[in-house]
Amino acid sequence: RTADPKATLTSIYDARVPVYQKADLS
């Protein structure tokens, strides 16, 4: 719920992917 939701999503994505990569399986 921001002025530029796609930019927000991209920012969240970039921050979270390195953590998701720690998952046991992909």
mmCIF file of all heavy atoms, coordinates in Angstrom:
data_MODEL
# 
_entry.id   MODEL 
# 
loop_
_atom_site.group_PDB 
_atom_site.id 
_atom_site.type_symbol 
_atom_site.label_atom_id 
_atom_site.label_alt_id 
_atom_site.label_comp_id 
_atom_site.label_asym_id 
_atom_site.label_entity_id 
_atom_site.label_seq_id 
_atom_site.pdbx_PDB_ins_code 
_atom_site.Cartn_x 
_atom_site.Cartn_y 
_atom_site.Cartn_z 
_atom_site.occupancy 
_atom_site.B_iso_or_equiv 
_atom_site.pdbx_formal_charge 
_atom_site.auth_seq_id 
_atom_site.auth_comp_id 
_atom_site.auth_asym_id 
_atom_site.auth_atom_id 
_atom_site.pdbx_PDB_model_num 
ATOM 1   N N   . ARG A 1 1  ? 0.851  -1.192  0.000   1.00 0.00 ? 1  ARG A N   1 
ATOM 2   C CA  . ARG A 1 1  ? 0.000  0.000   0.000   1.00 0.00 ? 1  ARG A CA  1 
ATOM 3   C C   . ARG A 1 1  ? 0.888  1.245   0.000   1.00 0.00 ? 1  ARG A C   1 
ATOM 4   O O   . ARG A 1 1  ? 0.972  1.983   0.991   1.00 0.00 ? 1  ARG A O   1 
ATOM 5   C CB  . ARG A 1 1  ? -0.936 -0.030  1.203   1.00 0.00 ? 1  ARG A CB  1 
ATOM 6   C CG  . ARG A 1 1  ? -1.989 -1.117  1.062   1.00 0.00 ? 1  ARG A CG  1 
ATOM 7   C CD  . ARG A 1 1  ? -2.907 -1.196  2.238   1.00 0.00 ? 1  ARG A CD  1 
ATOM 8   N NE  . ARG A 1 1  ? -3.921 -2.229  2.043   1.00 0.00 ? 1  ARG A NE  1 
ATOM 9   C CZ  . ARG A 1 1  ? -4.716 -2.675  3.001   1.00 0.00 ? 1  ARG A CZ  1 
ATOM 10  N NH1 . ARG A 1 1  ? -4.620 -2.181  4.219   1.00 0.00 ? 1  ARG A NH1 1 
ATOM 11  N NH2 . ARG A 1 1  ? -5.591 -3.617  2.743   1.00 0.00 ? 1  ARG A NH2 1 
ATOM 12  N N   . THR A 1 2  ? 1.576  1.440   -1.120  1.00 0.00 ? 2  THR A N   1 
ATOM 13  C CA  . THR A 1 2  ? 2.509  2.546   -1.273  1.00 0.00 ? 2  THR A CA  1 
ATOM 14  C C   . THR A 1 2  ? 2.218  3.279   -2.577  1.00 0.00 ? 2  THR A C   1 
ATOM 15  O O   . THR A 1 2  ? 1.411  2.815   -3.386  1.00 0.00 ? 2  THR A O   1 
ATOM 16  C CB  . THR A 1 2  ? 3.970  2.025   -1.311  1.00 0.00 ? 2  THR A CB  1 
ATOM 17  O OG1 . THR A 1 2  ? 4.134  1.189   -2.463  1.00 0.00 ? 2  THR A OG1 1 
ATOM 18  C CG2 . THR A 1 2  ? 4.317  1.232   -0.052  1.00 0.00 ? 2  THR A CG2 1 
ATOM 19  N N   . ALA A 1 3  ? 2.919  4.405   -2.793  1.00 0.00 ? 3  ALA A N   1 
ATOM 20  C CA  . ALA A 1 3  ? 2.717  5.192   -4.017  1.00 0.00 ? 3  ALA A CA  1 
ATOM 21  C C   . ALA A 1 3  ? 3.168  4.431   -5.262  1.00 0.00 ? 3  ALA A C   1 
ATOM 22  O O   . ALA A 1 3  ? 2.594  4.591   -6.336  1.00 0.00 ? 3  ALA A O   1 
ATOM 23  C CB  . ALA A 1 3  ? 3.472  6.518   -3.907  1.00 0.00 ? 3  ALA A CB  1 
ATOM 24  N N   . ASP A 1 4  ? 4.191  3.588   -5.114  1.00 0.00 ? 4  ASP A N   1 
ATOM 25  C CA  . ASP A 1 4  ? 4.714  2.813   -6.247  1.00 0.00 ? 4  ASP A CA  1 
ATOM 26  C C   . ASP A 1 4  ? 4.840  1.349   -5.815  1.00 0.00 ? 4  ASP A C   1 
ATOM 27  O O   . ASP A 1 4  ? 5.918  0.888   -5.444  1.00 0.00 ? 4  ASP A O   1 
ATOM 28  C CB  . ASP A 1 4  ? 6.072  3.379   -6.678  1.00 0.00 ? 4  ASP A CB  1 
ATOM 29  C CG  . ASP A 1 4  ? 6.582  2.725   -7.967  1.00 0.00 ? 4  ASP A CG  1 
ATOM 30  O OD1 . ASP A 1 4  ? 6.016  1.697   -8.395  1.00 0.00 ? 4  ASP A OD1 1 
ATOM 31  O OD2 . ASP A 1 4  ? 7.552  3.266   -8.544  1.00 0.00 ? 4  ASP A OD2 1 
ATOM 32  N N   . PRO A 1 5  ? 3.724  0.614   -5.862  1.00 0.00 ? 5  PRO A N   1 
ATOM 33  C CA  . PRO A 1 5  ? 3.747  -0.753  -5.333  1.00 0.00 ? 5  PRO A CA  1 
ATOM 34  C C   . PRO A 1 5  ? 4.720  -1.683  -6.047  1.00 0.00 ? 5  PRO A C   1 
ATOM 35  O O   . PRO A 1 5  ? 5.305  -2.564  -5.416  1.00 0.00 ? 5  PRO A O   1 
ATOM 36  C CB  . PRO A 1 5  ? 2.297  -1.238  -5.471  1.00 0.00 ? 5  PRO A CB  1 
ATOM 37  C CG  . PRO A 1 5  ? 1.592  -0.244  -6.307  1.00 0.00 ? 5  PRO A CG  1 
ATOM 38  C CD  . PRO A 1 5  ? 2.378  1.024   -6.289  1.00 0.00 ? 5  PRO A CD  1 
ATOM 39  N N   . LYS A 1 6  ? 4.938  -1.494  -7.365  1.00 0.00 ? 6  LYS A N   1 
ATOM 40  C CA  . LYS A 1 6  ? 5.885  -2.386  -8.046  1.00 0.00 ? 6  LYS A CA  1 
ATOM 41  C C   . LYS A 1 6  ? 7.308  -2.141  -7.557  1.00 0.00 ? 6  LYS A C   1 
ATOM 42  O O   . LYS A 1 6  ? 8.072  -3.089  -7.337  1.00 0.00 ? 6  LYS A O   1 
ATOM 43  C CB  . LYS A 1 6  ? 5.823  -2.236  -9.569  1.00 0.00 ? 6  LYS A CB  1 
ATOM 44  C CG  . LYS A 1 6  ? 6.702  -3.294  -10.242 1.00 0.00 ? 6  LYS A CG  1 
ATOM 45  C CD  . LYS A 1 6  ? 6.594  -3.337  -11.742 1.00 0.00 ? 6  LYS A CD  1 
ATOM 46  C CE  . LYS A 1 6  ? 7.439  -4.494  -12.283 1.00 0.00 ? 6  LYS A CE  1 
ATOM 47  N NZ  . LYS A 1 6  ? 7.468  -4.524  -13.742 1.00 0.00 ? 6  LYS A NZ  1 
ATOM 48  N N   . ALA A 1 7  ? 7.672  -0.881  -7.360  1.00 0.00 ? 7  ALA A N   1 
ATOM 49  C CA  . ALA A 1 7  ? 8.998  -0.577  -6.819  1.00 0.00 ? 7  ALA A CA  1 
ATOM 50  C C   . ALA A 1 7  ? 9.138  -1.144  -5.404  1.00 0.00 ? 7  ALA A C   1 
ATOM 51  O O   . ALA A 1 7  ? 10.198 -1.666  -5.031  1.00 0.00 ? 7  ALA A O   1 
ATOM 52  C CB  . ALA A 1 7  ? 9.239  0.928   -6.811  1.00 0.00 ? 7  ALA A CB  1 
ATOM 53  N N   . THR A 1 8  ? 8.068  -1.062  -4.622  1.00 0.00 ? 8  THR A N   1 
ATOM 54  C CA  . THR A 1 8  ? 8.080  -1.622  -3.266  1.00 0.00 ? 8  THR A CA  1 
ATOM 55  C C   . THR A 1 8  ? 8.253  -3.130  -3.316  1.00 0.00 ? 8  THR A C   1 
ATOM 56  O O   . THR A 1 8  ? 9.069  -3.700  -2.581  1.00 0.00 ? 8  THR A O   1 
ATOM 57  C CB  . THR A 1 8  ? 6.770  -1.261  -2.526  1.00 0.00 ? 8  THR A CB  1 
ATOM 58  O OG1 . THR A 1 8  ? 6.625  0.153   -2.506  1.00 0.00 ? 8  THR A OG1 1 
ATOM 59  C CG2 . THR A 1 8  ? 6.779  -1.791  -1.103  1.00 0.00 ? 8  THR A CG2 1 
ATOM 60  N N   . LEU A 1 9  ? 7.503  -3.773  -4.206  1.00 0.00 ? 9  LEU A N   1 
ATOM 61  C CA  . LEU A 1 9  ? 7.611  -5.226  -4.355  1.00 0.00 ? 9  LEU A CA  1 
ATOM 62  C C   . LEU A 1 9  ? 9.036  -5.619  -4.754  1.00 0.00 ? 9  LEU A C   1 
ATOM 63  O O   . LEU A 1 9  ? 9.604  -6.563  -4.210  1.00 0.00 ? 9  LEU A O   1 
ATOM 64  C CB  . LEU A 1 9  ? 6.613  -5.724  -5.400  1.00 0.00 ? 9  LEU A CB  1 
ATOM 65  C CG  . LEU A 1 9  ? 6.596  -7.245  -5.643  1.00 0.00 ? 9  LEU A CG  1 
ATOM 66  C CD1 . LEU A 1 9  ? 6.043  -7.983  -4.430  1.00 0.00 ? 9  LEU A CD1 1 
ATOM 67  C CD2 . LEU A 1 9  ? 5.780  -7.581  -6.887  1.00 0.00 ? 9  LEU A CD2 1 
ATOM 68  N N   . THR A 1 10 ? 9.618  -4.872  -5.696  1.00 0.00 ? 10 THR A N   1 
ATOM 69  C CA  . THR A 1 10 ? 10.978 -5.161  -6.158  1.00 0.00 ? 10 THR A CA  1 
ATOM 70  C C   . THR A 1 10 ? 11.977 -5.009  -5.023  1.00 0.00 ? 10 THR A C   1 
ATOM 71  O O   . THR A 1 10 ? 12.888 -5.835  -4.855  1.00 0.00 ? 10 THR A O   1 
ATOM 72  C CB  . THR A 1 10 ? 11.349 -4.233  -7.331  1.00 0.00 ? 10 THR A CB  1 
ATOM 73  O OG1 . THR A 1 10 ? 10.398 -4.426  -8.385  1.00 0.00 ? 10 THR A OG1 1 
ATOM 74  C CG2 . THR A 1 10 ? 12.738 -4.537  -7.862  1.00 0.00 ? 10 THR A CG2 1 
ATOM 75  N N   . SER A 1 11 ? 11.802 -3.972  -4.218  1.00 0.00 ? 11 SER A N   1 
ATOM 76  C CA  . SER A 1 11 ? 12.689 -3.738  -3.078  1.00 0.00 ? 11 SER A CA  1 
ATOM 77  C C   . SER A 1 11 ? 12.577 -4.873  -2.057  1.00 0.00 ? 11 SER A C   1 
ATOM 78  O O   . SER A 1 11 ? 13.588 -5.375  -1.549  1.00 0.00 ? 11 SER A O   1 
ATOM 79  C CB  . SER A 1 11 ? 12.328 -2.396  -2.433  1.00 0.00 ? 11 SER A CB  1 
ATOM 80  O OG  . SER A 1 11 ? 13.066 -2.203  -1.263  1.00 0.00 ? 11 SER A OG  1 
ATOM 81  N N   . ILE A 1 12 ? 11.344 -5.296  -1.762  1.00 0.00 ? 12 ILE A N   1 
ATOM 82  C CA  . ILE A 1 12 ? 11.119 -6.410  -0.836  1.00 0.00 ? 12 ILE A CA  1 
ATOM 83  C C   . ILE A 1 12 ? 11.747 -7.685  -1.400  1.00 0.00 ? 12 ILE A C   1 
ATOM 84  O O   . ILE A 1 12 ? 12.431 -8.433  -0.692  1.00 0.00 ? 12 ILE A O   1 
ATOM 85  C CB  . ILE A 1 12 ? 9.605  -6.608  -0.582  1.00 0.00 ? 12 ILE A CB  1 
ATOM 86  C CG1 . ILE A 1 12 ? 9.019  -5.417  0.167   1.00 0.00 ? 12 ILE A CG1 1 
ATOM 87  C CG2 . ILE A 1 12 ? 9.341  -7.904  0.192   1.00 0.00 ? 12 ILE A CG2 1 
ATOM 88  C CD1 . ILE A 1 12 ? 7.496  -5.398  0.221   1.00 0.00 ? 12 ILE A CD1 1 
ATOM 89  N N   . TYR A 1 13 ? 11.536 -7.909  -2.676  1.00 0.00 ? 13 TYR A N   1 
ATOM 90  C CA  . TYR A 1 13 ? 12.075 -9.086  -3.364  1.00 0.00 ? 13 TYR A CA  1 
ATOM 91  C C   . TYR A 1 13 ? 13.602 -9.133  -3.241  1.00 0.00 ? 13 TYR A C   1 
ATOM 92  O O   . TYR A 1 13 ? 14.186 -10.140 -2.853  1.00 0.00 ? 13 TYR A O   1 
ATOM 93  C CB  . TYR A 1 13 ? 11.644 -9.049  -4.825  1.00 0.00 ? 13 TYR A CB  1 
ATOM 94  C CG  . TYR A 1 13 ? 12.160 -10.165 -5.699  1.00 0.00 ? 13 TYR A CG  1 
ATOM 95  C CD1 . TYR A 1 13 ? 11.468 -11.376 -5.785  1.00 0.00 ? 13 TYR A CD1 1 
ATOM 96  C CD2 . TYR A 1 13 ? 13.325 -10.009 -6.451  1.00 0.00 ? 13 TYR A CD2 1 
ATOM 97  C CE1 . TYR A 1 13 ? 11.931 -12.397 -6.600  1.00 0.00 ? 13 TYR A CE1 1 
ATOM 98  C CE2 . TYR A 1 13 ? 13.786 -11.031 -7.268  1.00 0.00 ? 13 TYR A CE2 1 
ATOM 99  C CZ  . TYR A 1 13 ? 13.087 -12.220 -7.330  1.00 0.00 ? 13 TYR A CZ  1 
ATOM 100 O OH  . TYR A 1 13 ? 13.549 -13.226 -8.143  1.00 0.00 ? 13 TYR A OH  1 
ATOM 101 N N   . ASP A 1 14 ? 14.239 -8.011  -3.572  1.00 0.00 ? 14 ASP A N   1 
ATOM 102 C CA  . ASP A 1 14 ? 15.704 -7.954  -3.532  1.00 0.00 ? 14 ASP A CA  1 
ATOM 103 C C   . ASP A 1 14 ? 16.237 -8.216  -2.126  1.00 0.00 ? 14 ASP A C   1 
ATOM 104 O O   . ASP A 1 14 ? 17.281 -8.852  -1.956  1.00 0.00 ? 14 ASP A O   1 
ATOM 105 C CB  . ASP A 1 14 ? 16.203 -6.590  -4.033  1.00 0.00 ? 14 ASP A CB  1 
ATOM 106 C CG  . ASP A 1 14 ? 15.968 -6.401  -5.529  1.00 0.00 ? 14 ASP A CG  1 
ATOM 107 O OD1 . ASP A 1 14 ? 15.742 -7.409  -6.237  1.00 0.00 ? 14 ASP A OD1 1 
ATOM 108 O OD2 . ASP A 1 14 ? 15.993 -5.239  -5.989  1.00 0.00 ? 14 ASP A OD2 1 
ATOM 109 N N   . ALA A 1 15 ? 15.523 -7.727  -1.109  1.00 0.00 ? 15 ALA A N   1 
ATOM 110 C CA  . ALA A 1 15 ? 15.960 -7.920  0.274   1.00 0.00 ? 15 ALA A CA  1 
ATOM 111 C C   . ALA A 1 15 ? 15.729 -9.347  0.760   1.00 0.00 ? 15 ALA A C   1 
ATOM 112 O O   . ALA A 1 15 ? 16.522 -9.880  1.542   1.00 0.00 ? 15 ALA A O   1 
ATOM 113 C CB  . ALA A 1 15 ? 15.222 -6.933  1.186   1.00 0.00 ? 15 ALA A CB  1 
ATOM 114 N N   . ARG A 1 16 ? 14.659 -9.978  0.282   1.00 0.00 ? 16 ARG A N   1 
ATOM 115 C CA  . ARG A 1 16 ? 14.280 -11.285 0.826   1.00 0.00 ? 16 ARG A CA  1 
ATOM 116 C C   . ARG A 1 16 ? 14.900 -12.482 0.120   1.00 0.00 ? 16 ARG A C   1 
ATOM 117 O O   . ARG A 1 16 ? 15.097 -13.524 0.748   1.00 0.00 ? 16 ARG A O   1 
ATOM 118 C CB  . ARG A 1 16 ? 12.752 -11.425 0.799   1.00 0.00 ? 16 ARG A CB  1 
ATOM 119 C CG  . ARG A 1 16 ? 12.060 -10.536 1.796   1.00 0.00 ? 16 ARG A CG  1 
ATOM 120 C CD  . ARG A 1 16 ? 10.557 -10.737 1.765   1.00 0.00 ? 16 ARG A CD  1 
ATOM 121 N NE  . ARG A 1 16 ? 9.889  -9.907  2.762   1.00 0.00 ? 16 ARG A NE  1 
ATOM 122 C CZ  . ARG A 1 16 ? 8.588  -9.893  2.963   1.00 0.00 ? 16 ARG A CZ  1 
ATOM 123 N NH1 . ARG A 1 16 ? 7.795  -10.671 2.222   1.00 0.00 ? 16 ARG A NH1 1 
ATOM 124 N NH2 . ARG A 1 16 ? 8.062  -9.113  3.893   1.00 0.00 ? 16 ARG A NH2 1 
ATOM 125 N N   . VAL A 1 17 ? 15.197 -12.357 -1.166  1.00 0.00 ? 17 VAL A N   1 
ATOM 126 C CA  . VAL A 1 17 ? 15.706 -13.510 -1.914  1.00 0.00 ? 17 VAL A CA  1 
ATOM 127 C C   . VAL A 1 17 ? 16.937 -14.151 -1.252  1.00 0.00 ? 17 VAL A C   1 
ATOM 128 O O   . VAL A 1 17 ? 17.000 -15.382 -1.130  1.00 0.00 ? 17 VAL A O   1 
ATOM 129 C CB  . VAL A 1 17 ? 15.956 -13.157 -3.398  1.00 0.00 ? 17 VAL A CB  1 
ATOM 130 C CG1 . VAL A 1 17 ? 16.853 -14.185 -4.078  1.00 0.00 ? 17 VAL A CG1 1 
ATOM 131 C CG2 . VAL A 1 17 ? 14.619 -13.078 -4.134  1.00 0.00 ? 17 VAL A CG2 1 
ATOM 132 N N   . PRO A 1 18 ? 17.921 -13.367 -0.773  1.00 0.00 ? 18 PRO A N   1 
ATOM 133 C CA  . PRO A 1 18 ? 19.068 -14.011 -0.124  1.00 0.00 ? 18 PRO A CA  1 
ATOM 134 C C   . PRO A 1 18 ? 18.681 -14.848 1.099   1.00 0.00 ? 18 PRO A C   1 
ATOM 135 O O   . PRO A 1 18 ? 19.346 -15.845 1.411   1.00 0.00 ? 18 PRO A O   1 
ATOM 136 C CB  . PRO A 1 18 ? 19.957 -12.828 0.290   1.00 0.00 ? 18 PRO A CB  1 
ATOM 137 C CG  . PRO A 1 18 ? 19.582 -11.726 -0.643  1.00 0.00 ? 18 PRO A CG  1 
ATOM 138 C CD  . PRO A 1 18 ? 18.113 -11.906 -0.892  1.00 0.00 ? 18 PRO A CD  1 
ATOM 139 N N   . VAL A 1 19 ? 17.590 -14.473 1.766   1.00 0.00 ? 19 VAL A N   1 
ATOM 140 C CA  . VAL A 1 19 ? 17.123 -15.257 2.917   1.00 0.00 ? 19 VAL A CA  1 
ATOM 141 C C   . VAL A 1 19 ? 16.378 -16.499 2.432   1.00 0.00 ? 19 VAL A C   1 
ATOM 142 O O   . VAL A 1 19 ? 16.585 -17.607 2.949   1.00 0.00 ? 19 VAL A O   1 
ATOM 143 C CB  . VAL A 1 19 ? 16.228 -14.409 3.843   1.00 0.00 ? 19 VAL A CB  1 
ATOM 144 C CG1 . VAL A 1 19 ? 15.783 -15.224 5.055   1.00 0.00 ? 19 VAL A CG1 1 
ATOM 145 C CG2 . VAL A 1 19 ? 16.964 -13.147 4.288   1.00 0.00 ? 19 VAL A CG2 1 
ATOM 146 N N   . TYR A 1 20 ? 15.519 -16.335 1.419   1.00 0.00 ? 20 TYR A N   1 
ATOM 147 C CA  . TYR A 1 20 ? 14.807 -17.492 0.876   1.00 0.00 ? 20 TYR A CA  1 
ATOM 148 C C   . TYR A 1 20 ? 15.784 -18.543 0.347   1.00 0.00 ? 20 TYR A C   1 
ATOM 149 O O   . TYR A 1 20 ? 15.488 -19.737 0.382   1.00 0.00 ? 20 TYR A O   1 
ATOM 150 C CB  . TYR A 1 20 ? 13.861 -17.076 -0.257  1.00 0.00 ? 20 TYR A CB  1 
ATOM 151 C CG  . TYR A 1 20 ? 12.697 -16.202 0.155   1.00 0.00 ? 20 TYR A CG  1 
ATOM 152 C CD1 . TYR A 1 20 ? 12.232 -15.205 -0.697  1.00 0.00 ? 20 TYR A CD1 1 
ATOM 153 C CD2 . TYR A 1 20 ? 12.048 -16.376 1.371   1.00 0.00 ? 20 TYR A CD2 1 
ATOM 154 C CE1 . TYR A 1 20 ? 11.151 -14.404 -0.345  1.00 0.00 ? 20 TYR A CE1 1 
ATOM 155 C CE2 . TYR A 1 20 ? 10.976 -15.572 1.728   1.00 0.00 ? 20 TYR A CE2 1 
ATOM 156 C CZ  . TYR A 1 20 ? 10.531 -14.592 0.871   1.00 0.00 ? 20 TYR A CZ  1 
ATOM 157 O OH  . TYR A 1 20 ? 9.466  -13.806 1.227   1.00 0.00 ? 20 TYR A OH  1 
ATOM 158 N N   . GLN A 1 21 ? 16.940 -18.099 -0.134  1.00 0.00 ? 21 GLN A N   1 
ATOM 159 C CA  . GLN A 1 21 ? 17.932 -19.041 -0.657  1.00 0.00 ? 21 GLN A CA  1 
ATOM 160 C C   . GLN A 1 21 ? 18.470 -19.984 0.422   1.00 0.00 ? 21 GLN A C   1 
ATOM 161 O O   . GLN A 1 21 ? 19.083 -21.001 0.108   1.00 0.00 ? 21 GLN A O   1 
ATOM 162 C CB  . GLN A 1 21 ? 19.084 -18.276 -1.322  1.00 0.00 ? 21 GLN A CB  1 
ATOM 163 C CG  . GLN A 1 21 ? 18.678 -17.654 -2.642  1.00 0.00 ? 21 GLN A CG  1 
ATOM 164 C CD  . GLN A 1 21 ? 19.739 -16.723 -3.227  1.00 0.00 ? 21 GLN A CD  1 
ATOM 165 O OE1 . GLN A 1 21 ? 20.591 -16.197 -2.520  1.00 0.00 ? 21 GLN A OE1 1 
ATOM 166 N NE2 . GLN A 1 21 ? 19.679 -16.513 -4.536  1.00 0.00 ? 21 GLN A NE2 1 
ATOM 167 N N   . LYS A 1 22 ? 18.202 -19.664 1.677   1.00 0.00 ? 22 LYS A N   1 
ATOM 168 C CA  . LYS A 1 22 ? 18.629 -20.527 2.791   1.00 0.00 ? 22 LYS A CA  1 
ATOM 169 C C   . LYS A 1 22 ? 17.661 -21.695 3.007   1.00 0.00 ? 22 LYS A C   1 
ATOM 170 O O   . LYS A 1 22 ? 17.918 -22.558 3.853   1.00 0.00 ? 22 LYS A O   1 
ATOM 171 C CB  . LYS A 1 22 ? 18.736 -19.714 4.083   1.00 0.00 ? 22 LYS A CB  1 
ATOM 172 C CG  . LYS A 1 22 ? 19.780 -18.617 4.035   1.00 0.00 ? 22 LYS A CG  1 
ATOM 173 C CD  . LYS A 1 22 ? 19.783 -17.828 5.335   1.00 0.00 ? 22 LYS A CD  1 
ATOM 174 C CE  . LYS A 1 22 ? 20.816 -16.700 5.272   1.00 0.00 ? 22 LYS A CE  1 
ATOM 175 N NZ  . LYS A 1 22 ? 20.857 -15.929 6.538   1.00 0.00 ? 22 LYS A NZ  1 
ATOM 176 N N   . ALA A 1 23 ? 16.556 -21.709 2.286   1.00 0.00 ? 23 ALA A N   1 
ATOM 177 C CA  . ALA A 1 23 ? 15.570 -22.790 2.442   1.00 0.00 ? 23 ALA A CA  1 
ATOM 178 C C   . ALA A 1 23 ? 16.191 -24.140 2.120   1.00 0.00 ? 23 ALA A C   1 
ATOM 179 O O   . ALA A 1 23 ? 17.146 -24.236 1.347   1.00 0.00 ? 23 ALA A O   1 
ATOM 180 C CB  . ALA A 1 23 ? 14.357 -22.528 1.542   1.00 0.00 ? 23 ALA A CB  1 
ATOM 181 N N   . ASP A 1 24 ? 15.629 -25.185 2.727   1.00 0.00 ? 24 ASP A N   1 
ATOM 182 C CA  . ASP A 1 24 ? 16.148 -26.545 2.518   1.00 0.00 ? 24 ASP A CA  1 
ATOM 183 C C   . ASP A 1 24 ? 15.998 -26.997 1.073   1.00 0.00 ? 24 ASP A C   1 
ATOM 184 O O   . ASP A 1 24 ? 16.861 -27.682 0.535   1.00 0.00 ? 24 ASP A O   1 
ATOM 185 C CB  . ASP A 1 24 ? 15.409 -27.529 3.441   1.00 0.00 ? 24 ASP A CB  1 
ATOM 186 C CG  . ASP A 1 24 ? 15.568 -27.181 4.906   1.00 0.00 ? 24 ASP A CG  1 
ATOM 187 O OD1 . ASP A 1 24 ? 16.717 -27.013 5.351   1.00 0.00 ? 24 ASP A OD1 1 
ATOM 188 O OD2 . ASP A 1 24 ? 14.531 -27.058 5.603   1.00 0.00 ? 24 ASP A OD2 1 
ATOM 189 N N   . LEU A 1 25 ? 14.878 -26.629 0.458   1.00 0.00 ? 25 LEU A N   1 
ATOM 190 C CA  . LEU A 1 25 ? 14.579 -27.050 -0.910  1.00 0.00 ? 25 LEU A CA  1 
ATOM 191 C C   . LEU A 1 25 ? 14.050 -25.852 -1.691  1.00 0.00 ? 25 LEU A C   1 
ATOM 192 O O   . LEU A 1 25 ? 13.506 -24.911 -1.102  1.00 0.00 ? 25 LEU A O   1 
ATOM 193 C CB  . LEU A 1 25 ? 13.528 -28.168 -0.911  1.00 0.00 ? 25 LEU A CB  1 
ATOM 194 C CG  . LEU A 1 25 ? 13.894 -29.450 -0.158  1.00 0.00 ? 25 LEU A CG  1 
ATOM 195 C CD1 . LEU A 1 25 ? 12.670 -30.338 0.024   1.00 0.00 ? 25 LEU A CD1 1 
ATOM 196 C CD2 . LEU A 1 25 ? 14.998 -30.200 -0.882  1.00 0.00 ? 25 LEU A CD2 1 
ATOM 197 N N   . SER A 1 26 ? 14.197 -25.900 -3.009  1.00 0.00 ? 26 SER A N   1 
ATOM 198 C CA  . SER A 1 26 ? 13.724 -24.807 -3.853  1.00 0.00 ? 26 SER A CA  1 
ATOM 199 C C   . SER A 1 26 ? 13.023 -25.377 -5.085  1.00 0.00 ? 26 SER A C   1 
ATOM 200 O O   . SER A 1 26 ? 13.480 -26.364 -5.658  1.00 0.00 ? 26 SER A O   1 
ATOM 201 C CB  . SER A 1 26 ? 14.912 -23.945 -4.280  1.00 0.00 ? 26 SER A CB  1 
ATOM 202 O OG  . SER A 1 26 ? 14.510 -22.961 -5.199  1.00 0.00 ? 26 SER A OG  1 
# 
